[in-house]
Amino acid sequence: MKLRILVGLSLLLVSLLVISPAAAILAQEEEEAPPETITLTTTYSKLSGIAGSSFEFEVGLAYTGGTEARVFDLAATGPQNWTTSITPSYPKDKQIQDIRLEPPPPFQAALVTKILVNLAPPYWLLPEPGDYQITVEAASGEIKGTIQLTAVVTSTYIMSLAPTEERLNTTATAGRDNYFSIEVNNNGSAAIDNITFSTRKPTGWTIEFSPEKIDTLAAQDSQTVEVNIKPPAKTIAGDYQISLTAKGQQISDDIDIRVSVETPTIWGWVGVAIIVLVIAGLVYIFMRFSRR
């Protein structure tokens, strides 16, 4: 009897020793089973470019915790009026709206699938400098993941000078005020500050600008400037070249103008009178000496 009881207790003890570790392992596995998640990552979350540039971000997708593949809907939301699209890494000419992801095998690292997120302003819009956000989302039922990306638009400075009448030549009368108009254009994406004017001109010439300075010229704006060109009174008639320069704090530009100088009408008549007197004097001298 005692032997039977001892054998039973031994069998019970062995059973407990076998079952307990297995139960502990199962409990631990159930406790550590990870939830289903979708994770979005990127190496470069902030890209910069000049106004008008497009931006391309590479985003990695990793699905974990599941036992079978899932299809995730993809969406990219950018600034108003901007164009957003999602493409595979290859080929880039296909736009996609969803993606099928496989979970990794047990106890292995997550599988990462790459996609490209593209962001571009409309052709008619030159964005102001600043940060522009784009949100990318992958969702399948209640499983969702998002990532925030930033496009940094930097300033572009483009200034140009042009004659208002689209002619790079003008006529000036020596010794008098002669007015010529130019247009200062800011074709960039940021204001140009402290614009001053200077010239390269023949010796003795006077060239004045009105206004003499432009404090600030806004992006995509322009201003007319009057240029007074005054050659000296004794300037010989002919063609001359001057250079007009506009220099701002950020950028400068210049243009060359051909100036055709004419003498005043009164000096023309004076010249004719002098020629007549010279000819008359020669005729007089010739006739006087010919009689001798």
C-alpha atoms as a PDB file:
ATOM      1  CA  MET A   1       0.000   0.000   0.000  1.00  0.00           C
ATOM      2  CA  LYS A   2       2.710   2.405   0.951  1.00  0.00           C
ATOM      3  CA  LEU A   3       4.599   1.525  -2.222  1.00  0.00           C
ATOM      4  CA  ARG A   4       1.559   2.284  -4.336  1.00  0.00           C
ATOM      5  CA  ILE A   5       1.123   5.683  -2.735  1.00  0.00           C
ATOM      6  CA  LEU A   6       4.814   6.478  -3.184  1.00  0.00           C
ATOM      7  CA  VAL A   7       4.674   5.556  -6.869  1.00  0.00           C
ATOM      8  CA  GLY A   8       1.583   7.745  -7.393  1.00  0.00           C
ATOM      9  CA  LEU A   9       3.225  10.727  -5.733  1.00  0.00           C
ATOM     10  CA  SER A  10       6.312  10.275  -7.888  1.00  0.00           C
ATOM     11  CA  LEU A  11       4.271  10.186 -11.087  1.00  0.00           C
ATOM     12  CA  LEU A  12       2.372  13.315 -10.017  1.00  0.00           C
ATOM     13  CA  LEU A  13       5.598  15.148  -9.292  1.00  0.00           C
ATOM     14  CA  VAL A  14       7.073  14.217 -12.667  1.00  0.00           C
ATOM     15  CA  SER A  15       3.883  15.362 -14.426  1.00  0.00           C
ATOM     16  CA  LEU A  16       4.016  18.721 -12.685  1.00  0.00           C
ATOM     17  CA  LEU A  17       7.652  19.199 -13.620  1.00  0.00           C
ATOM     18  CA  VAL A  18       6.899  18.485 -17.299  1.00  0.00           C
ATOM     19  CA  ILE A  19       3.714  20.523 -17.571  1.00  0.00           C
ATOM     20  CA  SER A  20       4.850  23.633 -15.674  1.00  0.00           C
ATOM     21  CA  PRO A  21       7.687  24.738 -18.021  1.00  0.00           C
ATOM     22  CA  ALA A  22       5.507  24.164 -21.079  1.00  0.00           C
ATOM     23  CA  ALA A  23       2.694  26.200 -19.568  1.00  0.00           C
ATOM     24  CA  ALA A  24       5.139  28.945 -18.614  1.00  0.00           C
ATOM     25  CA  ILE A  25       6.509  29.068 -22.139  1.00  0.00           C
ATOM     26  CA  LEU A  26       3.023  29.247 -23.644  1.00  0.00           C
ATOM     27  CA  ALA A  27       2.015  31.967 -21.214  1.00  0.00           C
ATOM     28  CA  GLN A  28       5.173  33.908 -21.989  1.00  0.00           C
ATOM     29  CA  GLU A  29       4.600  33.603 -25.737  1.00  0.00           C
ATOM     30  CA  GLU A  30       1.002  34.780 -25.369  1.00  0.00           C
ATOM     31  CA  GLU A  31       2.122  37.674 -23.173  1.00  0.00           C
ATOM     32  CA  GLU A  32       4.908  38.776 -25.533  1.00  0.00           C
ATOM     33  CA  ALA A  33       2.944  38.442 -28.801  1.00  0.00           C
ATOM     34  CA  PRO A  34       3.352  41.901 -30.427  1.00  0.00           C
ATOM     35  CA  PRO A  35       0.336  43.821 -31.700  1.00  0.00           C
ATOM     36  CA  GLU A  36      -0.129  44.466 -35.429  1.00  0.00           C
ATOM     37  CA  THR A  37       1.530  47.759 -36.382  1.00  0.00           C
ATOM     38  CA  ILE A  38       2.548  49.659 -39.512  1.00  0.00           C
ATOM     39  CA  THR A  39       5.593  51.920 -39.110  1.00  0.00           C
ATOM     40  CA  LEU A  40       6.657  54.662 -41.536  1.00  0.00           C
ATOM     41  CA  THR A  41      10.265  55.856 -41.475  1.00  0.00           C
ATOM     42  CA  THR A  42      12.559  58.028 -43.586  1.00  0.00           C
ATOM     43  CA  THR A  43      16.205  58.938 -43.577  1.00  0.00           C
ATOM     44  CA  TYR A  44      15.584  62.535 -44.686  1.00  0.00           C
ATOM     45  CA  SER A  45      12.372  64.087 -43.381  1.00  0.00           C
ATOM     46  CA  LYS A  46      13.285  67.643 -44.436  1.00  0.00           C
ATOM     47  CA  LEU A  47      14.390  68.620 -47.958  1.00  0.00           C
ATOM     48  CA  SER A  48      15.129  72.125 -49.283  1.00  0.00           C
ATOM     49  CA  GLY A  49      14.912  73.679 -52.739  1.00  0.00           C
ATOM     50  CA  ILE A  50      14.353  76.992 -54.478  1.00  0.00           C
ATOM     51  CA  ALA A  51      10.856  78.259 -55.246  1.00  0.00           C
ATOM     52  CA  GLY A  52       9.302  76.246 -58.047  1.00  0.00           C
ATOM     53  CA  SER A  53      11.278  73.092 -57.248  1.00  0.00           C
ATOM     54  CA  SER A  54       9.677  69.688 -56.715  1.00  0.00           C
ATOM     55  CA  PHE A  55      10.564  67.431 -53.784  1.00  0.00           C
ATOM     56  CA  GLU A  56      10.984  63.640 -53.569  1.00  0.00           C
ATOM     57  CA  PHE A  57      11.035  61.804 -50.226  1.00  0.00           C
ATOM     58  CA  GLU A  58      11.890  58.123 -49.705  1.00  0.00           C
ATOM     59  CA  VAL A  59       9.692  56.474 -47.075  1.00  0.00           C
ATOM     60  CA  GLY A  60      10.028  52.957 -45.638  1.00  0.00           C
ATOM     61  CA  LEU A  61       7.006  50.853 -44.605  1.00  0.00           C
ATOM     62  CA  ALA A  62       7.299  48.011 -42.068  1.00  0.00           C
ATOM     63  CA  TYR A  63       4.352  45.791 -41.066  1.00  0.00           C
ATOM     64  CA  THR A  64       4.791  43.691 -37.915  1.00  0.00           C
ATOM     65  CA  GLY A  65       2.699  41.550 -35.583  1.00  0.00           C
ATOM     66  CA  GLY A  66       0.498  39.884 -38.170  1.00  0.00           C
ATOM     67  CA  THR A  67       0.372  36.318 -39.398  1.00  0.00           C
ATOM     68  CA  GLU A  68      -0.554  37.053 -43.013  1.00  0.00           C
ATOM     69  CA  ALA A  69      -0.182  39.787 -45.625  1.00  0.00           C
ATOM     70  CA  ARG A  70      -2.302  42.950 -45.472  1.00  0.00           C
ATOM     71  CA  VAL A  71      -3.179  45.597 -48.059  1.00  0.00           C
ATOM     72  CA  PHE A  72      -2.629  49.160 -46.806  1.00  0.00           C
ATOM     73  CA  ASP A  73      -4.242  52.236 -48.381  1.00  0.00           C
ATOM     74  CA  LEU A  74      -1.761  55.050 -48.992  1.00  0.00           C
ATOM     75  CA  ALA A  75      -2.459  58.794 -48.864  1.00  0.00           C
ATOM     76  CA  ALA A  76      -0.301  61.930 -49.003  1.00  0.00           C
ATOM     77  CA  THR A  77      -1.686  65.330 -47.967  1.00  0.00           C
ATOM     78  CA  GLY A  78       0.301  68.438 -48.863  1.00  0.00           C
ATOM     79  CA  PRO A  79      -0.176  72.231 -48.975  1.00  0.00           C
ATOM     80  CA  GLN A  80      -3.196  73.654 -50.768  1.00  0.00           C
ATOM     81  CA  ASN A  81      -2.886  73.615 -54.579  1.00  0.00           C
ATOM     82  CA  TRP A  82       0.300  71.527 -54.450  1.00  0.00           C
ATOM     83  CA  THR A  83       0.455  68.205 -56.281  1.00  0.00           C
ATOM     84  CA  THR A  84       1.243  65.058 -54.285  1.00  0.00           C
ATOM     85  CA  SER A  85       1.830  61.530 -55.548  1.00  0.00           C
ATOM     86  CA  ILE A  86       3.161  58.186 -54.317  1.00  0.00           C
ATOM     87  CA  THR A  87       5.191  55.855 -56.508  1.00  0.00           C
ATOM     88  CA  PRO A  88       7.208  52.683 -55.990  1.00  0.00           C
ATOM     89  CA  SER A  89      10.986  53.005 -55.940  1.00  0.00           C
ATOM     90  CA  TYR A  90      10.889  51.401 -59.382  1.00  0.00           C
ATOM     91  CA  PRO A  91       9.330  52.094 -61.783  1.00  0.00           C
ATOM     92  CA  LYS A  92       8.790  55.719 -60.819  1.00  0.00           C
ATOM     93  CA  ASP A  93       6.231  56.432 -63.536  1.00  0.00           C
ATOM     94  CA  LYS A  94       3.493  54.432 -61.747  1.00  0.00           C
ATOM     95  CA  GLN A  95       1.400  56.188 -59.126  1.00  0.00           C
ATOM     96  CA  ILE A  96       0.062  53.869 -56.421  1.00  0.00           C
ATOM     97  CA  GLN A  97      -2.781  54.159 -53.908  1.00  0.00           C
ATOM     98  CA  ASP A  98      -2.230  50.999 -51.892  1.00  0.00           C
ATOM     99  CA  ILE A  99       0.445  48.424 -51.144  1.00  0.00           C
ATOM    100  CA  ARG A 100       0.505  44.776 -50.015  1.00  0.00           C
ATOM    101  CA  LEU A 101       2.855  44.110 -47.122  1.00  0.00           C
ATOM    102  CA  GLU A 102       4.050  40.807 -45.685  1.00  0.00           C
ATOM    103  CA  PRO A 103       4.799  40.450 -41.953  1.00  0.00           C
ATOM    104  CA  PRO A 104       8.245  39.086 -41.045  1.00  0.00           C
ATOM    105  CA  PRO A 105       8.690  35.463 -39.940  1.00  0.00           C
ATOM    106  CA  PRO A 106       8.582  34.919 -36.133  1.00  0.00           C
ATOM    107  CA  PHE A 107      11.519  36.339 -34.199  1.00  0.00           C
ATOM    108  CA  GLN A 108      12.944  38.093 -37.304  1.00  0.00           C
ATOM    109  CA  ALA A 109      13.378  41.775 -38.102  1.00  0.00           C
ATOM    110  CA  ALA A 110      10.590  43.636 -39.903  1.00  0.00           C
ATOM    111  CA  LEU A 111      10.612  43.714 -43.689  1.00  0.00           C
ATOM    112  CA  VAL A 112      10.945  47.305 -44.991  1.00  0.00           C
ATOM    113  CA  THR A 113       9.359  48.280 -48.313  1.00  0.00           C
ATOM    114  CA  LYS A 114      10.399  51.599 -49.915  1.00  0.00           C
ATOM    115  CA  ILE A 115       8.052  54.062 -51.592  1.00  0.00           C
ATOM    116  CA  LEU A 116       8.625  57.569 -53.008  1.00  0.00           C
ATOM    117  CA  VAL A 117       6.485  60.541 -51.995  1.00  0.00           C
ATOM    118  CA  ASN A 118       6.527  63.418 -54.480  1.00  0.00           C
ATOM    119  CA  LEU A 119       5.496  67.008 -53.785  1.00  0.00           C
ATOM    120  CA  ALA A 120       5.396  69.849 -56.337  1.00  0.00           C
ATOM    121  CA  PRO A 121       3.844  73.344 -56.475  1.00  0.00           C
ATOM    122  CA  PRO A 122       1.558  74.211 -59.408  1.00  0.00           C
ATOM    123  CA  TYR A 123       3.321  75.711 -62.420  1.00  0.00           C
ATOM    124  CA  TRP A 124       1.589  79.054 -61.911  1.00  0.00           C
ATOM    125  CA  LEU A 125       2.573  79.410 -58.252  1.00  0.00           C
ATOM    126  CA  LEU A 126       5.923  80.642 -56.977  1.00  0.00           C
ATOM    127  CA  PRO A 127       5.794  79.723 -53.271  1.00  0.00           C
ATOM    128  CA  GLU A 128       7.080  82.146 -50.693  1.00  0.00           C
ATOM    129  CA  PRO A 129      10.123  81.028 -48.692  1.00  0.00           C
ATOM    130  CA  GLY A 130       9.219  78.848 -45.718  1.00  0.00           C
ATOM    131  CA  ASP A 131       8.397  75.332 -44.501  1.00  0.00           C
ATOM    132  CA  TYR A 132       5.640  73.319 -46.210  1.00  0.00           C
ATOM    133  CA  GLN A 133       4.317  70.169 -44.533  1.00  0.00           C
ATOM    134  CA  ILE A 134       3.185  66.891 -46.110  1.00  0.00           C
ATOM    135  CA  THR A 135       1.584  64.045 -44.155  1.00  0.00           C
ATOM    136  CA  VAL A 136       1.843  60.454 -45.419  1.00  0.00           C
ATOM    137  CA  GLU A 137      -0.534  57.778 -44.071  1.00  0.00           C
ATOM    138  CA  ALA A 138      -0.786  54.021 -44.497  1.00  0.00           C
ATOM    139  CA  ALA A 139      -3.971  52.387 -43.178  1.00  0.00           C
ATOM    140  CA  SER A 140      -5.603  48.944 -43.163  1.00  0.00           C
ATOM    141  CA  GLY A 141      -8.721  48.816 -40.988  1.00  0.00           C
ATOM    142  CA  GLU A 142      -7.755  49.985 -37.515  1.00  0.00           C
ATOM    143  CA  ILE A 143      -4.037  49.652 -38.192  1.00  0.00           C
ATOM    144  CA  LYS A 144      -2.650  53.065 -39.157  1.00  0.00           C
ATOM    145  CA  GLY A 145       0.720  54.753 -39.374  1.00  0.00           C
ATOM    146  CA  THR A 146       1.730  58.289 -40.352  1.00  0.00           C
ATOM    147  CA  ILE A 147       4.864  60.322 -40.949  1.00  0.00           C
ATOM    148  CA  GLN A 148       5.385  64.065 -41.277  1.00  0.00           C
ATOM    149  CA  LEU A 149       7.685  65.420 -44.007  1.00  0.00           C
ATOM    150  CA  THR A 150       8.839  69.004 -44.621  1.00  0.00           C
ATOM    151  CA  ALA A 151       9.690  70.790 -47.867  1.00  0.00           C
ATOM    152  CA  VAL A 152      11.775  73.918 -47.202  1.00  0.00           C
ATOM    153  CA  VAL A 153      11.433  76.548 -49.924  1.00  0.00           C
ATOM    154  CA  THR A 154      14.438  78.874 -50.045  1.00  0.00           C
ATOM    155  CA  SER A 155      14.519  82.378 -51.508  1.00  0.00           C
ATOM    156  CA  THR A 156      15.364  83.061 -55.141  1.00  0.00           C
ATOM    157  CA  TYR A 157      16.580  86.506 -56.189  1.00  0.00           C
ATOM    158  CA  ILE A 158      16.120  87.480 -59.847  1.00  0.00           C
ATOM    159  CA  MET A 159      16.359  91.142 -60.882  1.00  0.00           C
ATOM    160  CA  SER A 160      16.369  92.552 -64.393  1.00  0.00           C
ATOM    161  CA  LEU A 161      16.599  95.988 -65.993  1.00  0.00           C
ATOM    162  CA  ALA A 162      14.805  96.778 -69.231  1.00  0.00           C
ATOM    163  CA  PRO A 163      13.951  99.957 -71.176  1.00  0.00           C
ATOM    164  CA  THR A 164      10.252 100.766 -70.875  1.00  0.00           C
ATOM    165  CA  GLU A 165      10.049 101.200 -74.666  1.00  0.00           C
ATOM    166  CA  GLU A 166      12.073  98.006 -75.284  1.00  0.00           C
ATOM    167  CA  ARG A 167      14.808  99.922 -77.124  1.00  0.00           C
ATOM    168  CA  LEU A 168      18.427  99.851 -76.004  1.00  0.00           C
ATOM    169  CA  ASN A 169      19.196 103.146 -77.723  1.00  0.00           C
ATOM    170  CA  THR A 170      18.138 106.752 -77.322  1.00  0.00           C
ATOM    171  CA  THR A 171      18.866 110.223 -78.711  1.00  0.00           C
ATOM    172  CA  ALA A 172      20.309 113.054 -76.613  1.00  0.00           C
ATOM    173  CA  THR A 173      21.003 116.705 -77.319  1.00  0.00           C
ATOM    174  CA  ALA A 174      24.351 117.995 -76.074  1.00  0.00           C
ATOM    175  CA  GLY A 175      24.104 120.399 -73.122  1.00  0.00           C
ATOM    176  CA  ARG A 176      20.456 119.590 -72.424  1.00  0.00           C
ATOM    177  CA  ASP A 177      18.388 117.256 -70.216  1.00  0.00           C
ATOM    178  CA  ASN A 178      17.399 114.060 -72.018  1.00  0.00           C
ATOM    179  CA  TYR A 179      15.062 111.586 -70.295  1.00  0.00           C
ATOM    180  CA  PHE A 180      15.093 107.823 -70.714  1.00  0.00           C
ATOM    181  CA  SER A 181      12.935 105.351 -68.713  1.00  0.00           C
ATOM    182  CA  ILE A 182      13.943 101.935 -67.431  1.00  0.00           C
ATOM    183  CA  GLU A 183      11.966  99.243 -65.611  1.00  0.00           C
ATOM    184  CA  VAL A 184      13.421  97.497 -62.548  1.00  0.00           C
ATOM    185  CA  ASN A 185      11.820  94.025 -62.281  1.00  0.00           C
ATOM    186  CA  ASN A 186      11.917  91.581 -59.377  1.00  0.00           C
ATOM    187  CA  ASN A 187      11.198  88.154 -60.889  1.00  0.00           C
ATOM    188  CA  GLY A 188      12.273  86.208 -57.792  1.00  0.00           C
ATOM    189  CA  SER A 189      10.410  84.812 -54.810  1.00  0.00           C
ATOM    190  CA  ALA A 190      11.592  87.287 -52.163  1.00  0.00           C
ATOM    191  CA  ALA A 191      11.887  91.053 -51.813  1.00  0.00           C
ATOM    192  CA  ILE A 192      15.069  92.842 -52.925  1.00  0.00           C
ATOM    193  CA  ASP A 193      16.219  95.567 -50.535  1.00  0.00           C
ATOM    194  CA  ASN A 194      18.217  98.815 -50.803  1.00  0.00           C
ATOM    195  CA  ILE A 195      18.456  99.120 -54.598  1.00  0.00           C
ATOM    196  CA  THR A 196      20.852 101.883 -55.666  1.00  0.00           C
ATOM    197  CA  PHE A 197      21.958 103.012 -59.124  1.00  0.00           C
ATOM    198  CA  SER A 198      25.296 103.758 -60.740  1.00  0.00           C
ATOM    199  CA  THR A 199      26.671 104.319 -64.246  1.00  0.00           C
ATOM    200  CA  ARG A 200      29.675 103.952 -66.498  1.00  0.00           C
ATOM    201  CA  LYS A 201      29.694 106.938 -68.830  1.00  0.00           C
ATOM    202  CA  PRO A 202      31.970 109.158 -70.947  1.00  0.00           C
ATOM    203  CA  THR A 203      33.987 111.796 -69.111  1.00  0.00           C
ATOM    204  CA  GLY A 204      32.036 114.938 -68.287  1.00  0.00           C
ATOM    205  CA  TRP A 205      28.592 113.431 -68.733  1.00  0.00           C
ATOM    206  CA  THR A 206      25.893 113.805 -66.055  1.00  0.00           C
ATOM    207  CA  ILE A 207      23.408 110.969 -65.451  1.00  0.00           C
ATOM    208  CA  GLU A 208      20.767 111.228 -62.742  1.00  0.00           C
ATOM    209  CA  PHE A 209      18.134 108.718 -61.531  1.00  0.00           C
ATOM    210  CA  SER A 210      14.658 109.425 -60.198  1.00  0.00           C
ATOM    211  CA  PRO A 211      14.075 107.958 -57.683  1.00  0.00           C
ATOM    212  CA  GLU A 212      17.697 107.741 -56.605  1.00  0.00           C
ATOM    213  CA  LYS A 213      17.009 104.617 -54.492  1.00  0.00           C
ATOM    214  CA  ILE A 214      14.378 101.889 -54.061  1.00  0.00           C
ATOM    215  CA  ASP A 215      14.091 100.812 -50.425  1.00  0.00           C
ATOM    216  CA  THR A 216      12.275  97.526 -51.132  1.00  0.00           C
ATOM    217  CA  LEU A 217      11.000  95.895 -54.304  1.00  0.00           C
ATOM    218  CA  ALA A 218       8.559  93.072 -53.562  1.00  0.00           C
ATOM    219  CA  ALA A 219       8.671  89.709 -55.315  1.00  0.00           C
ATOM    220  CA  GLN A 220       7.027  89.724 -58.757  1.00  0.00           C
ATOM    221  CA  ASP A 221       6.871  93.538 -58.675  1.00  0.00           C
ATOM    222  CA  SER A 222       8.458  96.266 -60.793  1.00  0.00           C
ATOM    223  CA  GLN A 223       9.159 100.001 -60.678  1.00  0.00           C
ATOM    224  CA  THR A 224       9.831 102.603 -63.348  1.00  0.00           C
ATOM    225  CA  VAL A 225      12.920 104.774 -62.955  1.00  0.00           C
ATOM    226  CA  GLU A 226      13.547 107.967 -64.975  1.00  0.00           C
ATOM    227  CA  VAL A 227      17.122 108.467 -66.166  1.00  0.00           C
ATOM    228  CA  ASN A 228      18.290 111.979 -67.104  1.00  0.00           C
ATOM    229  CA  ILE A 229      21.200 111.790 -69.567  1.00  0.00           C
ATOM    230  CA  LYS A 230      23.033 115.089 -70.083  1.00  0.00           C
ATOM    231  CA  PRO A 231      26.130 115.170 -72.337  1.00  0.00           C
ATOM    232  CA  PRO A 232      28.360 118.263 -72.072  1.00  0.00           C
ATOM    233  CA  ALA A 233      27.455 121.179 -74.355  1.00  0.00           C
ATOM    234  CA  LYS A 234      30.606 120.748 -76.443  1.00  0.00           C
ATOM    235  CA  THR A 235      30.091 117.010 -77.058  1.00  0.00           C
ATOM    236  CA  ILE A 236      30.761 116.101 -80.669  1.00  0.00           C
ATOM    237  CA  ALA A 237      27.788 114.579 -82.462  1.00  0.00           C
ATOM    238  CA  GLY A 238      27.965 110.789 -82.703  1.00  0.00           C
ATOM    239  CA  ASP A 239      27.156 107.522 -80.931  1.00  0.00           C
ATOM    240  CA  TYR A 240      28.249 106.862 -77.352  1.00  0.00           C
ATOM    241  CA  GLN A 241      27.655 103.996 -74.921  1.00  0.00           C
ATOM    242  CA  ILE A 242      26.657 104.197 -71.275  1.00  0.00           C
ATOM    243  CA  SER A 243      26.039 101.409 -68.753  1.00  0.00           C
ATOM    244  CA  LEU A 244      23.279 101.578 -66.129  1.00  0.00           C
ATOM    245  CA  THR A 245      23.556  99.391 -63.007  1.00  0.00           C
ATOM    246  CA  ALA A 246      20.979  98.597 -60.316  1.00  0.00           C
ATOM    247  CA  LYS A 247      22.495  96.988 -57.214  1.00  0.00           C
ATOM    248  CA  GLY A 248      20.356  95.582 -54.422  1.00  0.00           C
ATOM    249  CA  GLN A 249      21.365  94.045 -51.122  1.00  0.00           C
ATOM    250  CA  GLN A 250      20.869  90.540 -52.573  1.00  0.00           C
ATOM    251  CA  ILE A 251      21.498  90.871 -56.329  1.00  0.00           C
ATOM    252  CA  SER A 252      22.371  93.327 -59.125  1.00  0.00           C
ATOM    253  CA  ASP A 253      21.911  93.771 -62.876  1.00  0.00           C
ATOM    254  CA  ASP A 254      23.007  96.197 -65.584  1.00  0.00           C
ATOM    255  CA  ILE A 255      22.228  97.154 -69.189  1.00  0.00           C
ATOM    256  CA  ASP A 256      24.146  99.011 -71.910  1.00  0.00           C
ATOM    257  CA  ILE A 257      22.489 101.881 -73.759  1.00  0.00           C
ATOM    258  CA  ARG A 258      23.664 103.464 -77.034  1.00  0.00           C
ATOM    259  CA  VAL A 259      23.225 107.257 -76.988  1.00  0.00           C
ATOM    260  CA  SER A 260      23.185 109.193 -80.274  1.00  0.00           C
ATOM    261  CA  VAL A 261      24.270 112.742 -79.443  1.00  0.00           C
ATOM    262  CA  GLU A 262      23.003 115.636 -81.534  1.00  0.00           C
ATOM    263  CA  THR A 263      24.179 119.246 -81.310  1.00  0.00           C
ATOM    264  CA  PRO A 264      21.629 121.949 -80.433  1.00  0.00           C
ATOM    265  CA  THR A 265      19.943 123.707 -83.380  1.00  0.00           C
ATOM    266  CA  ILE A 266      21.500 127.074 -82.530  1.00  0.00           C
ATOM    267  CA  TRP A 267      24.964 125.596 -82.705  1.00  0.00           C
ATOM    268  CA  GLY A 268      24.049 124.097 -86.054  1.00  0.00           C
ATOM    269  CA  TRP A 269      23.230 127.541 -87.412  1.00  0.00           C
ATOM    270  CA  VAL A 270      26.384 128.935 -85.842  1.00  0.00           C
ATOM    271  CA  GLY A 271      28.347 126.222 -87.616  1.00  0.00           C
ATOM    272  CA  VAL A 272      26.684 127.054 -90.930  1.00  0.00           C
ATOM    273  CA  ALA A 273      27.402 130.765 -90.431  1.00  0.00           C
ATOM    274  CA  ILE A 274      31.076 130.049 -89.692  1.00  0.00           C
ATOM    275  CA  ILE A 275      31.350 127.911 -92.819  1.00  0.00           C
ATOM    276  CA  VAL A 276      29.699 130.658 -94.902  1.00  0.00           C
ATOM    277  CA  LEU A 277      32.075 133.278 -93.491  1.00  0.00           C
ATOM    278  CA  VAL A 278      35.095 131.078 -94.194  1.00  0.00           C
ATOM    279  CA  ILE A 279      33.980 130.487 -97.777  1.00  0.00           C
ATOM    280  CA  ALA A 280      33.238 134.204 -98.253  1.00  0.00           C
ATOM    281  CA  GLY A 281      36.665 135.106 -96.879  1.00  0.00           C
ATOM    282  CA  LEU A 282      38.386 132.682 -99.238  1.00  0.00           C
ATOM    283  CA  VAL A 283      36.443 134.026-102.211  1.00  0.00           C
ATOM    284  CA  TYR A 284      37.362 137.599-101.241  1.00  0.00           C
ATOM    285  CA  ILE A 285      41.034 136.769-100.888  1.00  0.00           C
ATOM    286  CA  PHE A 286      41.059 134.843-104.165  1.00  0.00           C
ATOM    287  CA  MET A 287      39.383 137.705-106.078  1.00  0.00           C
ATOM    288  CA  ARG A 288      41.638 140.353-104.542  1.00  0.00           C
ATOM    289  CA  PHE A 289      44.868 138.572-105.331  1.00  0.00           C
ATOM    290  CA  SER A 290      43.675 137.474-108.770  1.00  0.00           C
ATOM    291  CA  ARG A 291      43.332 141.162-109.851  1.00  0.00           C
ATOM    292  CA  ARG A 292      46.973 141.746-109.130  1.00  0.00           C
END
